[in-house]
């Protein structure tokens, strides 16, 4: 799961394009340029969350998860140029 979701994020960053996708609110248009890059960074960080299951102890998984969630929130609020 990490490879697929993070790979989608990296692909959006590299190609500067995120295709249109469906949500429960309807069709979301495709993203181009800086918007696609910001989307790709956020999706890449979301893809890292399942790696917390491999960390052995709940304490390490909790720290890892909290750091990744902080990175996700930061990537949502940092404005792409």
PDB file of N, CA and C in Angstrom:
ATOM      1  N   UNK A   1       0.821  -1.181   0.000  1.00  0.00           N
ATOM      2  CA  UNK A   1       0.000   0.000   0.000  1.00  0.00           C
ATOM      3  C   UNK A   1       0.871   1.253   0.000  1.00  0.00           C
ATOM      4  N   UNK A   2       1.956   1.207   0.751  1.00  0.00           N
ATOM      5  CA  UNK A   2       2.858   2.353   0.792  1.00  0.00           C
ATOM      6  C   UNK A   2       3.448   2.633  -0.578  1.00  0.00           C
ATOM      7  N   UNK A   3       3.853   1.583  -1.273  1.00  0.00           N
ATOM      8  CA  UNK A   3       4.453   1.780  -2.587  1.00  0.00           C
ATOM      9  C   UNK A   3       3.464   2.383  -3.582  1.00  0.00           C
ATOM     10  N   UNK A   4       2.229   1.946  -3.547  1.00  0.00           N
ATOM     11  CA  UNK A   4       1.246   2.445  -4.505  1.00  0.00           C
ATOM     12  C   UNK A   4       0.886   3.899  -4.221  1.00  0.00           C
ATOM     13  N   UNK A   5       0.536   4.210  -2.976  1.00  0.00           N
ATOM     14  CA  UNK A   5       0.099   5.564  -2.648  1.00  0.00           C
ATOM     15  C   UNK A   5       1.256   6.554  -2.758  1.00  0.00           C
ATOM     16  N   UNK A   6       2.415   6.201  -2.200  1.00  0.00           N
ATOM     17  CA  UNK A   6       3.568   7.095  -2.314  1.00  0.00           C
ATOM     18  C   UNK A   6       4.021   7.215  -3.765  1.00  0.00           C
ATOM     19  N   UNK A   7       3.915   6.126  -4.521  1.00  0.00           N
ATOM     20  CA  UNK A   7       4.260   6.176  -5.941  1.00  0.00           C
ATOM     21  C   UNK A   7       3.356   7.115  -6.723  1.00  0.00           C
ATOM     22  N   UNK A   8       2.073   7.157  -6.363  1.00  0.00           N
ATOM     23  CA  UNK A   8       1.169   8.110  -7.010  1.00  0.00           C
ATOM     24  C   UNK A   8       1.581   9.542  -6.695  1.00  0.00           C
ATOM     25  N   UNK A   9       2.015   9.777  -5.462  1.00  0.00           N
ATOM     26  CA  UNK A   9       2.477  11.113  -5.086  1.00  0.00           C
ATOM     27  C   UNK A   9       3.731  11.510  -5.835  1.00  0.00           C
ATOM     28  N   UNK A  10       4.675  10.589  -5.933  1.00  0.00           N
ATOM     29  CA  UNK A  10       5.919  10.875  -6.656  1.00  0.00           C
ATOM     30  C   UNK A  10       5.636  11.105  -8.137  1.00  0.00           C
ATOM     31  N   UNK A  11       4.723  10.322  -8.700  1.00  0.00           N
ATOM     32  CA  UNK A  11       4.360  10.501 -10.111  1.00  0.00           C
ATOM     33  C   UNK A  11       3.732  11.871 -10.352  1.00  0.00           C
ATOM     34  N   UNK A  12       2.906  12.329  -9.416  1.00  0.00           N
ATOM     35  CA  UNK A  12       2.308  13.661  -9.558  1.00  0.00           C
ATOM     36  C   UNK A  12       3.374  14.750  -9.473  1.00  0.00           C
ATOM     37  N   UNK A  13       4.387  14.546  -8.633  1.00  0.00           N
ATOM     38  CA  UNK A  13       5.462  15.538  -8.509  1.00  0.00           C
ATOM     39  C   UNK A  13       6.323  15.562  -9.763  1.00  0.00           C
ATOM     40  N   UNK A  14       6.684  14.390 -10.252  1.00  0.00           N
ATOM     41  CA  UNK A  14       7.589  14.299 -11.401  1.00  0.00           C
ATOM     42  C   UNK A  14       6.936  14.820 -12.679  1.00  0.00           C
ATOM     43  N   UNK A  15       5.665  14.471 -12.888  1.00  0.00           N
ATOM     44  CA  UNK A  15       5.002  14.859 -14.127  1.00  0.00           C
ATOM     45  C   UNK A  15       4.293  16.209 -14.032  1.00  0.00           C
ATOM     46  N   UNK A  16       4.171  16.766 -12.828  1.00  0.00           N
ATOM     47  CA  UNK A  16       3.464  18.033 -12.601  1.00  0.00           C
ATOM     48  C   UNK A  16       2.009  17.940 -13.082  1.00  0.00           C
ATOM     49  N   UNK A  17       1.429  16.760 -12.922  1.00  0.00           N
ATOM     50  CA  UNK A  17       0.055  16.525 -13.359  1.00  0.00           C
ATOM     51  C   UNK A  17      -0.592  15.490 -12.448  1.00  0.00           C
ATOM     52  N   UNK A  18      -1.788  15.787 -11.990  1.00  0.00           N
ATOM     53  CA  UNK A  18      -2.596  14.826 -11.230  1.00  0.00           C
ATOM     54  C   UNK A  18      -3.922  14.684 -11.967  1.00  0.00           C
ATOM     55  N   UNK A  19      -4.261  13.489 -12.428  1.00  0.00           N
ATOM     56  CA  UNK A  19      -5.467  13.325 -13.237  1.00  0.00           C
ATOM     57  C   UNK A  19      -6.740  13.601 -12.433  1.00  0.00           C
ATOM     58  N   UNK A  20      -7.831  13.833 -13.160  1.00  0.00           N
ATOM     59  CA  UNK A  20      -9.093  14.068 -12.476  1.00  0.00           C
ATOM     60  C   UNK A  20      -9.503  12.798 -11.739  1.00  0.00           C
ATOM     61  N   UNK A  21     -10.221  12.989 -10.648  1.00  0.00           N
ATOM     62  CA  UNK A  21     -10.611  11.857  -9.833  1.00  0.00           C
ATOM     63  C   UNK A  21     -12.026  12.077  -9.309  1.00  0.00           C
ATOM     64  N   UNK A  22     -12.635  10.994  -8.930  1.00  0.00           N
ATOM     65  CA  UNK A  22     -14.009  11.045  -8.450  1.00  0.00           C
ATOM     66  C   UNK A  22     -14.017  11.061  -6.927  1.00  0.00           C
ATOM     67  N   UNK A  23     -14.916  11.844  -6.361  1.00  0.00           N
ATOM     68  CA  UNK A  23     -15.114  11.856  -4.917  1.00  0.00           C
ATOM     69  C   UNK A  23     -16.606  11.755  -4.648  1.00  0.00           C
ATOM     70  N   UNK A  24     -16.972  11.733  -3.412  1.00  0.00           N
ATOM     71  CA  UNK A  24     -18.402  11.632  -3.120  1.00  0.00           C
ATOM     72  C   UNK A  24     -19.145  12.919  -3.449  1.00  0.00           C
ATOM     73  N   UNK A  25     -18.395  13.999  -3.690  1.00  0.00           N
ATOM     74  CA  UNK A  25     -19.002  15.273  -4.057  1.00  0.00           C
ATOM     75  C   UNK A  25     -19.021  15.503  -5.558  1.00  0.00           C
ATOM     76  N   UNK A  26     -18.542  14.537  -6.325  1.00  0.00           N
ATOM     77  CA  UNK A  26     -18.535  14.665  -7.774  1.00  0.00           C
ATOM     78  C   UNK A  26     -17.122  14.554  -8.329  1.00  0.00           C
ATOM     79  N   UNK A  27     -16.963  14.929  -9.570  1.00  0.00           N
ATOM     80  CA  UNK A  27     -15.684  14.831 -10.256  1.00  0.00           C
ATOM     81  C   UNK A  27     -14.804  16.026  -9.906  1.00  0.00           C
ATOM     82  N   UNK A  28     -13.560  15.750  -9.494  1.00  0.00           N
ATOM     83  CA  UNK A  28     -12.597  16.796  -9.177  1.00  0.00           C
ATOM     84  C   UNK A  28     -11.702  16.970 -10.394  1.00  0.00           C
ATOM     85  N   UNK A  29     -11.530  18.198 -10.881  1.00  0.00           N
ATOM     86  CA  UNK A  29     -10.746  18.393 -12.111  1.00  0.00           C
ATOM     87  C   UNK A  29      -9.267  18.057 -11.920  1.00  0.00           C
ATOM     88  N   UNK A  30      -8.598  17.862 -13.034  1.00  0.00           N
ATOM     89  CA  UNK A  30      -7.169  17.556 -13.015  1.00  0.00           C
ATOM     90  C   UNK A  30      -6.375  18.753 -12.489  1.00  0.00           C
ATOM     91  N   UNK A  31      -5.235  18.448 -11.866  1.00  0.00           N
ATOM     92  CA  UNK A  31      -4.355  19.490 -11.342  1.00  0.00           C
ATOM     93  C   UNK A  31      -3.109  19.578 -12.209  1.00  0.00           C
ATOM     94  N   UNK A  32      -2.613  20.777 -12.393  1.00  0.00           N
ATOM     95  CA  UNK A  32      -1.427  21.007 -13.202  1.00  0.00           C
ATOM     96  C   UNK A  32      -0.449  21.882 -12.425  1.00  0.00           C
ATOM     97  N   UNK A  33       0.837  21.718 -12.692  1.00  0.00           N
ATOM     98  CA  UNK A  33       1.861  22.607 -12.152  1.00  0.00           C
ATOM     99  C   UNK A  33       2.023  22.523 -10.641  1.00  0.00           C
ATOM    100  N   UNK A  34       2.044  23.684  -9.995  1.00  0.00           N
ATOM    101  CA  UNK A  34       2.319  23.766  -8.563  1.00  0.00           C
ATOM    102  C   UNK A  34       1.232  23.085  -7.736  1.00  0.00           C
ATOM    103  N   UNK A  35      -0.014  23.131  -8.192  1.00  0.00           N
ATOM    104  CA  UNK A  35      -1.087  22.453  -7.459  1.00  0.00           C
ATOM    105  C   UNK A  35      -0.885  20.940  -7.476  1.00  0.00           C
ATOM    106  N   UNK A  36      -0.450  20.405  -8.588  1.00  0.00           N
ATOM    107  CA  UNK A  36      -0.186  18.967  -8.678  1.00  0.00           C
ATOM    108  C   UNK A  36       1.013  18.592  -7.809  1.00  0.00           C
ATOM    109  N   UNK A  37       2.015  19.461  -7.748  1.00  0.00           N
ATOM    110  CA  UNK A  37       3.177  19.193  -6.898  1.00  0.00           C
ATOM    111  C   UNK A  37       2.778  19.160  -5.427  1.00  0.00           C
ATOM    112  N   UNK A  38       1.969  20.113  -4.993  1.00  0.00           N
ATOM    113  CA  UNK A  38       1.518  20.147  -3.604  1.00  0.00           C
ATOM    114  C   UNK A  38       0.663  18.918  -3.284  1.00  0.00           C
ATOM    115  N   UNK A  39      -0.198  18.534  -4.208  1.00  0.00           N
ATOM    116  CA  UNK A  39      -1.010  17.328  -4.035  1.00  0.00           C
ATOM    117  C   UNK A  39      -0.110  16.096  -3.932  1.00  0.00           C
ATOM    118  N   UNK A  40       0.925  16.019  -4.782  1.00  0.00           N
ATOM    119  CA  UNK A  40       1.828  14.877  -4.767  1.00  0.00           C
ATOM    120  C   UNK A  40       2.604  14.759  -3.471  1.00  0.00           C
ATOM    121  N   UNK A  41       3.044  15.886  -2.920  1.00  0.00           N
ATOM    122  CA  UNK A  41       3.776  15.860  -1.652  1.00  0.00           C
ATOM    123  C   UNK A  41       2.866  15.352  -0.537  1.00  0.00           C
ATOM    124  N   UNK A  42       1.638  15.838  -0.514  1.00  0.00           N
ATOM    125  CA  UNK A  42       0.698  15.405   0.520  1.00  0.00           C
ATOM    126  C   UNK A  42       0.391  13.915   0.393  1.00  0.00           C
ATOM    127  N   UNK A  43       0.144  13.457  -0.810  1.00  0.00           N
ATOM    128  CA  UNK A  43      -0.155  12.037  -1.022  1.00  0.00           C
ATOM    129  C   UNK A  43       1.059  11.174  -0.691  1.00  0.00           C
ATOM    130  N   UNK A  44       2.261  11.656  -0.978  1.00  0.00           N
ATOM    131  CA  UNK A  44       3.462  10.904  -0.628  1.00  0.00           C
ATOM    132  C   UNK A  44       3.547  10.707   0.882  1.00  0.00           C
ATOM    133  N   UNK A  45       3.294  11.763   1.654  1.00  0.00           N
ATOM    134  CA  UNK A  45       3.354  11.653   3.109  1.00  0.00           C
ATOM    135  C   UNK A  45       2.243  10.744   3.644  1.00  0.00           C
ATOM    136  N   UNK A  46       1.065  10.800   3.047  1.00  0.00           N
ATOM    137  CA  UNK A  46      -0.024   9.904   3.462  1.00  0.00           C
ATOM    138  C   UNK A  46       0.376   8.453   3.223  1.00  0.00           C
ATOM    139  N   UNK A  47       1.084   8.201   2.151  1.00  0.00           N
ATOM    140  CA  UNK A  47       1.527   6.845   1.845  1.00  0.00           C
ATOM    141  C   UNK A  47       2.546   6.298   2.824  1.00  0.00           C
ATOM    142  N   UNK A  48       3.215   7.168   3.578  1.00  0.00           N
ATOM    143  CA  UNK A  48       4.191   6.698   4.554  1.00  0.00           C
ATOM    144  C   UNK A  48       3.560   6.159   5.834  1.00  0.00           C
ATOM    145  N   UNK A  49       2.316   6.508   6.113  1.00  0.00           N
ATOM    146  CA  UNK A  49       1.674   6.105   7.364  1.00  0.00           C
ATOM    147  C   UNK A  49       1.653   4.592   7.610  1.00  0.00           C
ATOM    148  N   UNK A  50       1.365   3.729   6.634  1.00  0.00           N
ATOM    149  CA  UNK A  50       1.356   2.291   6.922  1.00  0.00           C
ATOM    150  C   UNK A  50       2.710   1.727   7.343  1.00  0.00           C
ATOM    151  N   UNK A  51       3.795   2.434   7.073  1.00  0.00           N
ATOM    152  CA  UNK A  51       5.105   1.945   7.497  1.00  0.00           C
ATOM    153  C   UNK A  51       5.237   1.903   9.014  1.00  0.00           C
ATOM    154  N   UNK A  52       4.381   2.621   9.721  1.00  0.00           N
ATOM    155  CA  UNK A  52       4.409   2.594  11.178  1.00  0.00           C
ATOM    156  C   UNK A  52       4.127   1.213  11.745  1.00  0.00           C
ATOM    157  N   UNK A  53       3.434   0.374  10.990  1.00  0.00           N
ATOM    158  CA  UNK A  53       3.150  -0.982  11.462  1.00  0.00           C
ATOM    159  C   UNK A  53       4.403  -1.848  11.538  1.00  0.00           C
ATOM    160  N   UNK A  54       5.465  -1.451  10.875  1.00  0.00           N
ATOM    161  CA  UNK A  54       6.687  -2.246  10.836  1.00  0.00           C
ATOM    162  C   UNK A  54       7.698  -1.852  11.914  1.00  0.00           C
ATOM    163  N   UNK A  55       7.353  -0.932  12.788  1.00  0.00           N
ATOM    164  CA  UNK A  55       8.333  -0.379  13.714  1.00  0.00           C
ATOM    165  C   UNK A  55       8.487  -1.138  15.022  1.00  0.00           C
ATOM    166  N   UNK A  56       7.803  -2.213  15.229  1.00  0.00           N
ATOM    167  CA  UNK A  56       8.059  -3.061  16.392  1.00  0.00           C
ATOM    168  C   UNK A  56       7.278  -2.700  17.643  1.00  0.00           C
ATOM    169  N   UNK A  57       7.458  -1.525  18.189  1.00  0.00           N
ATOM    170  CA  UNK A  57       6.764  -1.149  19.417  1.00  0.00           C
ATOM    171  C   UNK A  57       5.735  -0.062  19.124  1.00  0.00           C
ATOM    172  N   UNK A  58       4.751   0.006  19.997  1.00  0.00           N
ATOM    173  CA  UNK A  58       3.705   1.013  19.826  1.00  0.00           C
ATOM    174  C   UNK A  58       4.257   2.417  20.029  1.00  0.00           C
ATOM    175  N   UNK A  59       5.243   2.550  20.888  1.00  0.00           N
ATOM    176  CA  UNK A  59       5.824   3.870  21.143  1.00  0.00           C
ATOM    177  C   UNK A  59       6.507   4.426  19.890  1.00  0.00           C
ATOM    178  N   UNK A  60       7.314   3.592  19.245  1.00  0.00           N
ATOM    179  CA  UNK A  60       7.983   4.038  18.017  1.00  0.00           C
ATOM    180  C   UNK A  60       6.978   4.303  16.905  1.00  0.00           C
ATOM    181  N   UNK A  61       5.967   3.447  16.798  1.00  0.00           N
ATOM    182  CA  UNK A  61       4.941   3.649  15.781  1.00  0.00           C
ATOM    183  C   UNK A  61       4.169   4.934  16.039  1.00  0.00           C
ATOM    184  N   UNK A  62       3.907   5.228  17.305  1.00  0.00           N
ATOM    185  CA  UNK A  62       3.216   6.469  17.647  1.00  0.00           C
ATOM    186  C   UNK A  62       4.025   7.694  17.302  1.00  0.00           C
ATOM    187  N   UNK A  63       5.308   7.664  17.611  1.00  0.00           N
ATOM    188  CA  UNK A  63       6.179   8.797  17.260  1.00  0.00           C
ATOM    189  C   UNK A  63       6.258   8.971  15.758  1.00  0.00           C
ATOM    190  N   UNK A  64       6.445   7.872  15.049  1.00  0.00           N
ATOM    191  CA  UNK A  64       6.519   7.941  13.591  1.00  0.00           C
ATOM    192  C   UNK A  64       5.220   8.491  13.013  1.00  0.00           C
ATOM    193  N   UNK A  65       4.096   7.972  13.498  1.00  0.00           N
ATOM    194  CA  UNK A  65       2.801   8.429  13.008  1.00  0.00           C
ATOM    195  C   UNK A  65       2.566   9.897  13.290  1.00  0.00           C
ATOM    196  N   UNK A  66       2.960  10.356  14.475  1.00  0.00           N
ATOM    197  CA  UNK A  66       2.752  11.770  14.796  1.00  0.00           C
ATOM    198  C   UNK A  66       3.634  12.678  13.953  1.00  0.00           C
ATOM    199  N   UNK A  67       4.850  12.263  13.667  1.00  0.00           N
ATOM    200  CA  UNK A  67       5.733  13.060  12.803  1.00  0.00           C
ATOM    201  C   UNK A  67       5.173  13.114  11.385  1.00  0.00           C
ATOM    202  N   UNK A  68       4.710  11.987  10.885  1.00  0.00           N
ATOM    203  CA  UNK A  68       4.162  11.954   9.528  1.00  0.00           C
ATOM    204  C   UNK A  68       2.879  12.780   9.452  1.00  0.00           C
ATOM    205  N   UNK A  69       2.032  12.703  10.460  1.00  0.00           N
ATOM    206  CA  UNK A  69       0.805  13.506  10.464  1.00  0.00           C
ATOM    207  C   UNK A  69       1.146  14.993  10.510  1.00  0.00           C
ATOM    208  N   UNK A  70       2.166  15.372  11.280  1.00  0.00           N
ATOM    209  CA  UNK A  70       2.598  16.779  11.299  1.00  0.00           C
ATOM    210  C   UNK A  70       3.096  17.209   9.923  1.00  0.00           C
ATOM    211  N   UNK A  71       3.810  16.333   9.229  1.00  0.00           N
ATOM    212  CA  UNK A  71       4.260  16.651   7.870  1.00  0.00           C
ATOM    213  C   UNK A  71       3.084  16.784   6.911  1.00  0.00           C
ATOM    214  N   UNK A  72       2.068  15.944   7.073  1.00  0.00           N
ATOM    215  CA  UNK A  72       0.884  16.031   6.220  1.00  0.00           C
ATOM    216  C   UNK A  72       0.171  17.358   6.441  1.00  0.00           C
ATOM    217  N   UNK A  73      -0.023  17.719   7.702  1.00  0.00           N
ATOM    218  CA  UNK A  73      -0.708  18.982   8.007  1.00  0.00           C
ATOM    219  C   UNK A  73       0.110  20.163   7.498  1.00  0.00           C
ATOM    220  N   UNK A  74       1.429  20.108   7.673  1.00  0.00           N
ATOM    221  CA  UNK A  74       2.294  21.189   7.177  1.00  0.00           C
ATOM    222  C   UNK A  74       2.208  21.293   5.657  1.00  0.00           C
ATOM    223  N   UNK A  75       2.163  20.152   4.974  1.00  0.00           N
ATOM    224  CA  UNK A  75       2.091  20.199   3.506  1.00  0.00           C
ATOM    225  C   UNK A  75       0.753  20.744   3.027  1.00  0.00           C
ATOM    226  N   UNK A  76      -0.287  20.620   3.849  1.00  0.00           N
ATOM    227  CA  UNK A  76      -1.577  21.192   3.472  1.00  0.00           C
ATOM    228  C   UNK A  76      -1.603  22.707   3.610  1.00  0.00           C
ATOM    229  N   UNK A  77      -0.840  23.221   4.577  1.00  0.00           N
ATOM    230  CA  UNK A  77      -0.889  24.657   4.842  1.00  0.00           C
ATOM    231  C   UNK A  77       0.210  25.460   4.157  1.00  0.00           C
ATOM    232  N   UNK A  78       1.247  24.789   3.675  1.00  0.00           N
ATOM    233  CA  UNK A  78       2.299  25.516   2.960  1.00  0.00           C
ATOM    234  C   UNK A  78       1.808  25.786   1.554  1.00  0.00           C
ATOM    235  N   UNK A  79       1.818  27.038   1.177  1.00  0.00           N
ATOM    236  CA  UNK A  79       1.303  27.453  -0.128  1.00  0.00           C
ATOM    237  C   UNK A  79       2.332  27.144  -1.204  1.00  0.00           C
ATOM    238  N   UNK A  80       1.915  26.458  -2.247  1.00  0.00           N
ATOM    239  CA  UNK A  80       2.809  26.180  -3.367  1.00  0.00           C
ATOM    240  C   UNK A  80       2.894  27.435  -4.244  1.00  0.00           C
ATOM    241  N   UNK A  81       4.110  27.791  -4.688  1.00  0.00           N
ATOM    242  CA  UNK A  81       4.250  29.004  -5.510  1.00  0.00           C
ATOM    243  C   UNK A  81       3.603  28.875  -6.870  1.00  0.00           C
TER     244      UNK A  81
END
